[in-house]
Amino acid sequence: EAVHEPLMTAPNPHTVRLPERDLSFHLTAEER
């Protein structure tokens, strides 16, 4: 079925993109 709902909004209303890449972020082995 069709569902149109906002599930999340970010503090910055224009983007969820960070100003710089977070080099400390890595997927865990379980996430991978």
Full PDB file with SEQRES, HELIX, SHEET, SSBOND, CRYST1, ORIGX, SCALE, CONECT and MASTER records, all heavy atoms in Angstrom:
SEQRES   1 A   32  GLU ALA VAL HIS GLU PRO LEU MET THR ALA PRO ASN PRO          
SEQRES   2 A   32  HIS THR VAL ARG LEU PRO GLU ARG ASP LEU SER PHE HIS          
SEQRES   3 A   32  LEU THR ALA GLU GLU ARG                                      
CRYST1    1.000    1.000    1.000  90.00  90.00  90.00 P 1           1          
ORIGX1      1.000000  0.000000  0.000000        0.00000                         
ORIGX2      0.000000  1.000000  0.000000        0.00000                         
ORIGX3      0.000000  0.000000  1.000000        0.00000                         
SCALE1      1.000000  0.000000  0.000000        0.00000                         
SCALE2      0.000000  1.000000  0.000000        0.00000                         
SCALE3      0.000000  0.000000  1.000000        0.00000                         
ATOM      1  N   GLU A   1       0.816  -1.198   0.000  1.00  0.00           N  
ATOM      2  CA  GLU A   1       0.000   0.000   0.000  1.00  0.00           C  
ATOM      3  C   GLU A   1       0.853   1.253   0.000  1.00  0.00           C  
ATOM      4  O   GLU A   1       2.012   1.226   0.354  1.00  0.00           O  
ATOM      5  CB  GLU A   1      -0.928   0.007   1.215  1.00  0.00           C  
ATOM      6  CG  GLU A   1      -0.152   0.218   2.479  1.00  0.00           C  
ATOM      7  CD  GLU A   1      -0.682  -0.551   3.651  1.00  0.00           C  
ATOM      8  OE1 GLU A   1      -1.042  -1.714   3.488  1.00  0.00           O  
ATOM      9  OE2 GLU A   1      -0.728   0.033   4.738  1.00  0.00           O  
ATOM     10  N   ALA A   2       0.281   2.369  -0.421  1.00  0.00           N  
ATOM     11  CA  ALA A   2       1.027   3.626  -0.487  1.00  0.00           C  
ATOM     12  C   ALA A   2       0.946   4.334   0.861  1.00  0.00           C  
ATOM     13  O   ALA A   2      -0.128   4.522   1.407  1.00  0.00           O  
ATOM     14  CB  ALA A   2       0.479   4.516  -1.582  1.00  0.00           C  
ATOM     15  N   VAL A   3       2.076   4.707   1.380  1.00  0.00           N  
ATOM     16  CA  VAL A   3       2.149   5.462   2.621  1.00  0.00           C  
ATOM     17  C   VAL A   3       3.074   6.637   2.367  1.00  0.00           C  
ATOM     18  O   VAL A   3       4.187   6.458   1.904  1.00  0.00           O  
ATOM     19  CB  VAL A   3       2.735   4.600   3.770  1.00  0.00           C  
ATOM     20  CG1 VAL A   3       2.864   5.427   5.030  1.00  0.00           C  
ATOM     21  CG2 VAL A   3       1.885   3.380   4.018  1.00  0.00           C  
ATOM     22  N   HIS A   4       2.605   7.834   2.624  1.00  0.00           N  
ATOM     23  CA  HIS A   4       3.434   9.028   2.438  1.00  0.00           C  
ATOM     24  C   HIS A   4       3.528   9.723   3.783  1.00  0.00           C  
ATOM     25  O   HIS A   4       2.595  10.366   4.216  1.00  0.00           O  
ATOM     26  CB  HIS A   4       2.834   9.972   1.404  1.00  0.00           C  
ATOM     27  CG  HIS A   4       2.613   9.328   0.081  1.00  0.00           C  
ATOM     28  ND1 HIS A   4       3.654   9.048  -0.777  1.00  0.00           N  
ATOM     29  CD2 HIS A   4       1.496   8.861  -0.521  1.00  0.00           C  
ATOM     30  CE1 HIS A   4       3.187   8.475  -1.860  1.00  0.00           C  
ATOM     31  NE2 HIS A   4       1.880   8.339  -1.728  1.00  0.00           N  
ATOM     32  N   GLU A   5       4.637   9.536   4.445  1.00  0.00           N  
ATOM     33  CA  GLU A   5       4.783  10.113   5.763  1.00  0.00           C  
ATOM     34  C   GLU A   5       6.231  10.485   6.017  1.00  0.00           C  
ATOM     35  O   GLU A   5       7.139   9.736   5.695  1.00  0.00           O  
ATOM     36  CB  GLU A   5       4.316   9.119   6.830  1.00  0.00           C  
ATOM     37  CG  GLU A   5       5.075   7.809   6.779  1.00  0.00           C  
ATOM     38  CD  GLU A   5       4.499   6.738   7.669  1.00  0.00           C  
ATOM     39  OE1 GLU A   5       3.402   6.263   7.388  1.00  0.00           O  
ATOM     40  OE2 GLU A   5       5.177   6.390   8.647  1.00  0.00           O  
ATOM     41  N   PRO A   6       6.466  11.663   6.562  1.00  0.00           N  
ATOM     42  CA  PRO A   6       7.839  11.982   6.944  1.00  0.00           C  
ATOM     43  C   PRO A   6       8.192  11.198   8.200  1.00  0.00           C  
ATOM     44  O   PRO A   6       7.473  11.246   9.183  1.00  0.00           O  
ATOM     45  CB  PRO A   6       7.799  13.486   7.210  1.00  0.00           C  
ATOM     46  CG  PRO A   6       6.364  13.794   7.456  1.00  0.00           C  
ATOM     47  CD  PRO A   6       5.543  12.741   6.777  1.00  0.00           C  
ATOM     48  N   LEU A   7       9.266  10.435   8.133  1.00  0.00           N  
ATOM     49  CA  LEU A   7       9.654   9.628   9.272  1.00  0.00           C  
ATOM     50  C   LEU A   7      10.718  10.282  10.126  1.00  0.00           C  
ATOM     51  O   LEU A   7      10.959   9.869  11.239  1.00  0.00           O  
ATOM     52  CB  LEU A   7      10.163   8.260   8.796  1.00  0.00           C  
ATOM     53  CG  LEU A   7       9.142   7.411   8.076  1.00  0.00           C  
ATOM     54  CD1 LEU A   7       9.770   6.094   7.661  1.00  0.00           C  
ATOM     55  CD2 LEU A   7       7.946   7.151   8.964  1.00  0.00           C  
ATOM     56  N   MET A   8      11.374  11.287   9.578  1.00  0.00           N  
ATOM     57  CA  MET A   8      12.465  11.893  10.326  1.00  0.00           C  
ATOM     58  C   MET A   8      12.784  13.246   9.732  1.00  0.00           C  
ATOM     59  O   MET A   8      12.680  13.437   8.540  1.00  0.00           O  
ATOM     60  CB  MET A   8      13.679  10.977  10.227  1.00  0.00           C  
ATOM     61  CG  MET A   8      14.942  11.616  10.537  1.00  0.00           C  
ATOM     62  SD  MET A   8      16.309  10.502  10.367  1.00  0.00           S  
ATOM     63  CE  MET A   8      17.506  11.628  11.018  1.00  0.00           C  
ATOM     64  N   THR A   9      13.153  14.164  10.546  1.00  0.00           N  
ATOM     65  CA  THR A   9      13.678  15.420  10.046  1.00  0.00           C  
ATOM     66  C   THR A   9      14.970  15.712  10.779  1.00  0.00           C  
ATOM     67  O   THR A   9      15.154  15.318  11.923  1.00  0.00           O  
ATOM     68  CB  THR A   9      12.691  16.594  10.251  1.00  0.00           C  
ATOM     69  OG1 THR A   9      12.387  16.681  11.638  1.00  0.00           O  
ATOM     70  CG2 THR A   9      11.427  16.399   9.443  1.00  0.00           C  
ATOM     71  N   ALA A  10      15.862  16.374  10.098  1.00  0.00           N  
ATOM     72  CA  ALA A  10      17.168  16.683  10.673  1.00  0.00           C  
ATOM     73  C   ALA A  10      17.142  18.085  11.278  1.00  0.00           C  
ATOM     74  O   ALA A  10      16.313  18.911  10.906  1.00  0.00           O  
ATOM     75  CB  ALA A  10      18.232  16.609   9.582  1.00  0.00           C  
ATOM     76  N   PRO A  11      18.063  18.377  12.179  1.00  0.00           N  
ATOM     77  CA  PRO A  11      18.130  19.718  12.755  1.00  0.00           C  
ATOM     78  C   PRO A  11      18.374  20.779  11.687  1.00  0.00           C  
ATOM     79  O   PRO A  11      17.860  21.874  11.783  1.00  0.00           O  
ATOM     80  CB  PRO A  11      19.313  19.646  13.723  1.00  0.00           C  
ATOM     81  CG  PRO A  11      19.599  18.209  13.921  1.00  0.00           C  
ATOM     82  CD  PRO A  11      19.048  17.474  12.748  1.00  0.00           C  
ATOM     83  N   ASN A  12      19.154  20.454  10.678  1.00  0.00           N  
ATOM     84  CA  ASN A  12      19.375  21.367   9.564  1.00  0.00           C  
ATOM     85  C   ASN A  12      18.315  21.047   8.514  1.00  0.00           C  
ATOM     86  O   ASN A  12      18.354  19.987   7.910  1.00  0.00           O  
ATOM     87  CB  ASN A  12      20.779  21.162   8.986  1.00  0.00           C  
ATOM     88  CG  ASN A  12      21.046  22.050   7.793  1.00  0.00           C  
ATOM     89  OD1 ASN A  12      20.160  22.725   7.289  1.00  0.00           O  
ATOM     90  ND2 ASN A  12      22.271  22.038   7.324  1.00  0.00           N  
ATOM     91  N   PRO A  13      17.364  21.924   8.271  1.00  0.00           N  
ATOM     92  CA  PRO A  13      16.254  21.593   7.377  1.00  0.00           C  
ATOM     93  C   PRO A  13      16.639  21.473   5.909  1.00  0.00           C  
ATOM     94  O   PRO A  13      15.835  21.074   5.103  1.00  0.00           O  
ATOM     95  CB  PRO A  13      15.279  22.752   7.588  1.00  0.00           C  
ATOM     96  CG  PRO A  13      16.132  23.882   8.028  1.00  0.00           C  
ATOM     97  CD  PRO A  13      17.262  23.261   8.806  1.00  0.00           C  
ATOM     98  N   HIS A  14      17.858  21.807   5.560  1.00  0.00           N  
ATOM     99  CA  HIS A  14      18.242  21.794   4.152  1.00  0.00           C  
ATOM    100  C   HIS A  14      18.940  20.509   3.721  1.00  0.00           C  
ATOM    101  O   HIS A  14      18.900  20.162   2.557  1.00  0.00           O  
ATOM    102  CB  HIS A  14      19.134  23.007   3.838  1.00  0.00           C  
ATOM    103  CG  HIS A  14      18.455  24.293   4.173  1.00  0.00           C  
ATOM    104  ND1 HIS A  14      17.367  24.750   3.478  1.00  0.00           N  
ATOM    105  CD2 HIS A  14      18.682  25.181   5.149  1.00  0.00           C  
ATOM    106  CE1 HIS A  14      16.963  25.883   4.009  1.00  0.00           C  
ATOM    107  NE2 HIS A  14      17.741  26.176   5.024  1.00  0.00           N  
ATOM    108  N   THR A  15      19.574  19.821   4.630  1.00  0.00           N  
ATOM    109  CA  THR A  15      20.308  18.613   4.261  1.00  0.00           C  
ATOM    110  C   THR A  15      20.699  17.823   5.494  1.00  0.00           C  
ATOM    111  O   THR A  15      20.760  18.380   6.591  1.00  0.00           O  
ATOM    112  CB  THR A  15      21.574  18.953   3.450  1.00  0.00           C  
ATOM    113  OG1 THR A  15      22.182  17.739   3.012  1.00  0.00           O  
ATOM    114  CG2 THR A  15      22.570  19.759   4.253  1.00  0.00           C  
ATOM    115  N   VAL A  16      20.939  16.539   5.302  1.00  0.00           N  
ATOM    116  CA  VAL A  16      21.505  15.724   6.382  1.00  0.00           C  
ATOM    117  C   VAL A  16      22.998  15.542   6.136  1.00  0.00           C  
ATOM    118  O   VAL A  16      23.667  14.851   6.885  1.00  0.00           O  
ATOM    119  CB  VAL A  16      20.824  14.346   6.511  1.00  0.00           C  
ATOM    120  CG1 VAL A  16      19.379  14.501   6.935  1.00  0.00           C  
ATOM    121  CG2 VAL A  16      20.957  13.543   5.252  1.00  0.00           C  
ATOM    122  N   ARG A  17      23.501  16.175   5.087  1.00  0.00           N  
ATOM    123  CA  ARG A  17      24.926  16.083   4.754  1.00  0.00           C  
ATOM    124  C   ARG A  17      25.729  16.887   5.764  1.00  0.00           C  
ATOM    125  O   ARG A  17      25.416  18.027   6.082  1.00  0.00           O  
ATOM    126  CB  ARG A  17      25.183  16.604   3.342  1.00  0.00           C  
ATOM    127  CG  ARG A  17      26.652  16.524   2.940  1.00  0.00           C  
ATOM    128  CD  ARG A  17      26.864  16.965   1.506  1.00  0.00           C  
ATOM    129  NE  ARG A  17      26.148  18.150   1.121  1.00  0.00           N  
ATOM    130  CZ  ARG A  17      26.590  19.401   1.279  1.00  0.00           C  
ATOM    131  NH1 ARG A  17      27.760  19.630   1.829  1.00  0.00           N  
ATOM    132  NH2 ARG A  17      25.869  20.422   0.890  1.00  0.00           N  
ATOM    133  N   LEU A  18      26.771  16.262   6.254  1.00  0.00           N  
ATOM    134  CA  LEU A  18      27.691  16.955   7.147  1.00  0.00           C  
ATOM    135  C   LEU A  18      28.540  17.932   6.347  1.00  0.00           C  
ATOM    136  O   LEU A  18      28.792  17.716   5.156  1.00  0.00           O  
ATOM    137  CB  LEU A  18      28.610  15.939   7.838  1.00  0.00           C  
ATOM    138  CG  LEU A  18      27.943  14.956   8.796  1.00  0.00           C  
ATOM    139  CD1 LEU A  18      28.935  13.880   9.226  1.00  0.00           C  
ATOM    140  CD2 LEU A  18      27.378  15.691  10.002  1.00  0.00           C  
ATOM    141  N   PRO A  19      29.047  18.982   6.970  1.00  0.00           N  
ATOM    142  CA  PRO A  19      29.926  19.911   6.251  1.00  0.00           C  
ATOM    143  C   PRO A  19      31.229  19.241   5.806  1.00  0.00           C  
ATOM    144  O   PRO A  19      31.815  19.617   4.799  1.00  0.00           O  
ATOM    145  CB  PRO A  19      30.211  21.028   7.250  1.00  0.00           C  
ATOM    146  CG  PRO A  19      29.477  20.699   8.496  1.00  0.00           C  
ATOM    147  CD  PRO A  19      28.770  19.397   8.331  1.00  0.00           C  
ATOM    148  N   GLU A  20      31.667  18.254   6.578  1.00  0.00           N  
ATOM    149  CA  GLU A  20      32.867  17.475   6.251  1.00  0.00           C  
ATOM    150  C   GLU A  20      32.574  16.012   6.528  1.00  0.00           C  
ATOM    151  O   GLU A  20      31.782  15.682   7.408  1.00  0.00           O  
ATOM    152  CB  GLU A  20      34.057  17.911   7.109  1.00  0.00           C  
ATOM    153  CG  GLU A  20      34.530  19.317   6.845  1.00  0.00           C  
ATOM    154  CD  GLU A  20      35.726  19.681   7.712  1.00  0.00           C  
ATOM    155  OE1 GLU A  20      36.286  18.780   8.389  1.00  0.00           O  
ATOM    156  OE2 GLU A  20      36.099  20.849   7.712  1.00  0.00           O  
ATOM    157  N   ARG A  21      33.247  15.152   5.796  1.00  0.00           N  
ATOM    158  CA  ARG A  21      33.090  13.715   6.001  1.00  0.00           C  
ATOM    159  C   ARG A  21      33.570  13.338   7.398  1.00  0.00           C  
ATOM    160  O   ARG A  21      34.609  13.811   7.860  1.00  0.00           O  
ATOM    161  CB  ARG A  21      33.900  12.970   4.936  1.00  0.00           C  
ATOM    162  CG  ARG A  21      33.783  11.487   5.021  1.00  0.00           C  
ATOM    163  CD  ARG A  21      34.539  10.829   3.894  1.00  0.00           C  
ATOM    164  NE  ARG A  21      34.497   9.389   4.079  1.00  0.00           N  
ATOM    165  CZ  ARG A  21      35.304   8.547   3.496  1.00  0.00           C  
ATOM    166  NH1 ARG A  21      36.221   8.982   2.654  1.00  0.00           N  
ATOM    167  NH2 ARG A  21      35.204   7.259   3.717  1.00  0.00           N  
ATOM    168  N   ASP A  22      32.820  12.496   8.082  1.00  0.00           N  
ATOM    169  CA  ASP A  22      33.189  11.993   9.405  1.00  0.00           C  
ATOM    170  C   ASP A  22      34.106  10.790   9.214  1.00  0.00           C  
ATOM    171  O   ASP A  22      33.655   9.670   9.023  1.00  0.00           O  
ATOM    172  CB  ASP A  22      31.930  11.597  10.170  1.00  0.00           C  
ATOM    173  CG  ASP A  22      32.213  11.017  11.544  1.00  0.00           C  
ATOM    174  OD1 ASP A  22      33.411  10.872  11.907  1.00  0.00           O  
ATOM    175  OD2 ASP A  22      31.240  10.691  12.250  1.00  0.00           O  
ATOM    176  N   LEU A  23      35.405  11.034   9.242  1.00  0.00           N  
ATOM    177  CA  LEU A  23      36.390   9.979   8.993  1.00  0.00           C  
ATOM    178  C   LEU A  23      36.425   8.931  10.101  1.00  0.00           C  
ATOM    179  O   LEU A  23      36.969   7.843   9.919  1.00  0.00           O  
ATOM    180  CB  LEU A  23      37.771  10.580   8.793  1.00  0.00           C  
ATOM    181  CG  LEU A  23      37.900  11.498   7.568  1.00  0.00           C  
ATOM    182  CD1 LEU A  23      39.269  12.162   7.532  1.00  0.00           C  
ATOM    183  CD2 LEU A  23      37.634  10.727   6.290  1.00  0.00           C  
ATOM    184  N   SER A  24      35.820   9.236  11.238  1.00  0.00           N  
ATOM    185  CA  SER A  24      35.803   8.270  12.336  1.00  0.00           C  
ATOM    186  C   SER A  24      34.650   7.270  12.191  1.00  0.00           C  
ATOM    187  O   SER A  24      34.618   6.265  12.893  1.00  0.00           O  
ATOM    188  CB  SER A  24      35.688   8.994  13.681  1.00  0.00           C  
ATOM    189  OG  SER A  24      34.406   9.598  13.816  1.00  0.00           O  
ATOM    190  N   PHE A  25      33.715   7.535  11.270  1.00  0.00           N  
ATOM    191  CA  PHE A  25      32.573   6.641  11.116  1.00  0.00           C  
ATOM    192  C   PHE A  25      32.960   5.401  10.319  1.00  0.00           C  
ATOM    193  O   PHE A  25      33.559   5.484   9.257  1.00  0.00           O  
ATOM    194  CB  PHE A  25      31.403   7.332  10.404  1.00  0.00           C  
ATOM    195  CG  PHE A  25      30.295   6.369  10.092  1.00  0.00           C  
ATOM    196  CD1 PHE A  25      29.428   5.970  11.083  1.00  0.00           C  
ATOM    197  CD2 PHE A  25      30.156   5.831   8.829  1.00  0.00           C  
ATOM    198  CE1 PHE A  25      28.420   5.051  10.822  1.00  0.00           C  
ATOM    199  CE2 PHE A  25      29.156   4.913   8.548  1.00  0.00           C  
ATOM    200  CZ  PHE A  25      28.284   4.518   9.546  1.00  0.00           C  
ATOM    201  N   HIS A  26      32.590   4.246  10.853  1.00  0.00           N  
ATOM    202  CA  HIS A  26      32.781   2.975  10.152  1.00  0.00           C  
ATOM    203  C   HIS A  26      31.615   2.062  10.490  1.00  0.00           C  
ATOM    204  O   HIS A  26      31.120   2.071  11.622  1.00  0.00           O  
ATOM    205  CB  HIS A  26      34.096   2.297  10.566  1.00  0.00           C  
ATOM    206  CG  HIS A  26      35.289   3.092  10.204  1.00  0.00           C  
ATOM    207  ND1 HIS A  26      35.754   3.207   8.917  1.00  0.00           N  
ATOM    208  CD2 HIS A  26      36.102   3.863  10.970  1.00  0.00           C  
ATOM    209  CE1 HIS A  26      36.816   3.993   8.901  1.00  0.00           C  
ATOM    210  NE2 HIS A  26      37.048   4.409  10.137  1.00  0.00           N  
ATOM    211  N   LEU A  27      31.193   1.283   9.523  1.00  0.00           N  
ATOM    212  CA  LEU A  27      30.189   0.267   9.777  1.00  0.00           C  
ATOM    213  C   LEU A  27      30.825  -0.837  10.618  1.00  0.00           C  
ATOM    214  O   LEU A  27      31.996  -1.178  10.424  1.00  0.00           O  
ATOM    215  CB  LEU A  27      29.684  -0.332   8.462  1.00  0.00           C  
ATOM    216  CG  LEU A  27      28.862   0.591   7.573  1.00  0.00           C  
ATOM    217  CD1 LEU A  27      28.652  -0.034   6.196  1.00  0.00           C  
ATOM    218  CD2 LEU A  27      27.523   0.918   8.225  1.00  0.00           C  
ATOM    219  N   THR A  28      30.050  -1.383  11.531  1.00  0.00           N  
ATOM    220  CA  THR A  28      30.551  -2.509  12.311  1.00  0.00           C  
ATOM    221  C   THR A  28      30.562  -3.749  11.416  1.00  0.00           C  
ATOM    222  O   THR A  28      29.938  -3.774  10.349  1.00  0.00           O  
ATOM    223  CB  THR A  28      29.641  -2.785  13.530  1.00  0.00           C  
ATOM    224  OG1 THR A  28      28.359  -3.215  13.055  1.00  0.00           O  
ATOM    225  CG2 THR A  28      29.502  -1.555  14.419  1.00  0.00           C  
ATOM    226  N   ALA A  29      31.254  -4.784  11.875  1.00  0.00           N  
ATOM    227  CA  ALA A  29      31.282  -6.039  11.114  1.00  0.00           C  
ATOM    228  C   ALA A  29      29.870  -6.591  10.959  1.00  0.00           C  
ATOM    229  O   ALA A  29      29.494  -7.095   9.898  1.00  0.00           O  
ATOM    230  CB  ALA A  29      32.184  -7.056  11.811  1.00  0.00           C  
ATOM    231  N   GLU A  30      29.064  -6.462  11.990  1.00  0.00           N  
ATOM    232  CA  GLU A  30      27.678  -6.934  11.932  1.00  0.00           C  
ATOM    233  C   GLU A  30      26.864  -6.124  10.914  1.00  0.00           C  
ATOM    234  O   GLU A  30      26.081  -6.690  10.153  1.00  0.00           O  
ATOM    235  CB  GLU A  30      27.045  -6.828  13.321  1.00  0.00           C  
ATOM    236  CG  GLU A  30      25.613  -7.313  13.379  1.00  0.00           C  
ATOM    237  CD  GLU A  30      25.045  -7.208  14.785  1.00  0.00           C  
ATOM    238  OE1 GLU A  30      25.225  -8.151  15.560  1.00  0.00           O  
ATOM    239  OE2 GLU A  30      24.424  -6.162  15.074  1.00  0.00           O  
ATOM    240  N   GLU A  31      27.037  -4.808  10.901  1.00  0.00           N  
ATOM    241  CA  GLU A  31      26.322  -3.967   9.932  1.00  0.00           C  
ATOM    242  C   GLU A  31      26.752  -4.295   8.504  1.00  0.00           C  
ATOM    243  O   GLU A  31      25.916  -4.387   7.605  1.00  0.00           O  
ATOM    244  CB  GLU A  31      26.561  -2.486  10.227  1.00  0.00           C  
ATOM    245  CG  GLU A  31      25.866  -1.999  11.474  1.00  0.00           C  
ATOM    246  CD  GLU A  31      26.325  -0.624  11.915  1.00  0.00           C  
ATOM    247  OE1 GLU A  31      27.498  -0.245  11.645  1.00  0.00           O  
ATOM    248  OE2 GLU A  31      25.511   0.086  12.539  1.00  0.00           O  
ATOM    249  N   ARG A  32      28.052  -4.480   8.305  1.00  0.00           N  
ATOM    250  CA  ARG A  32      28.556  -4.829   6.970  1.00  0.00           C  
ATOM    251  C   ARG A  32      27.943  -6.146   6.487  1.00  0.00           C  
ATOM    252  O   ARG A  32      27.545  -6.272   5.342  1.00  0.00           O  
ATOM    253  CB  ARG A  32      30.088  -4.912   6.966  1.00  0.00           C  
ATOM    254  CG  ARG A  32      30.769  -3.573   7.187  1.00  0.00           C  
ATOM    255  CD  ARG A  32      32.277  -3.708   7.216  1.00  0.00           C  
ATOM    256  NE  ARG A  32      32.845  -3.812   5.879  1.00  0.00           N  
ATOM    257  CZ  ARG A  32      33.064  -2.800   5.054  1.00  0.00           C  
ATOM    258  NH1 ARG A  32      32.747  -1.577   5.427  1.00  0.00           N  
ATOM    259  NH2 ARG A  32      33.588  -3.001   3.876  1.00  0.00           N  
TER     260      ARG A  32                                                      
MASTER        0    0    0    0    0    0    0    6  259    1    0    3          
END                                                                             
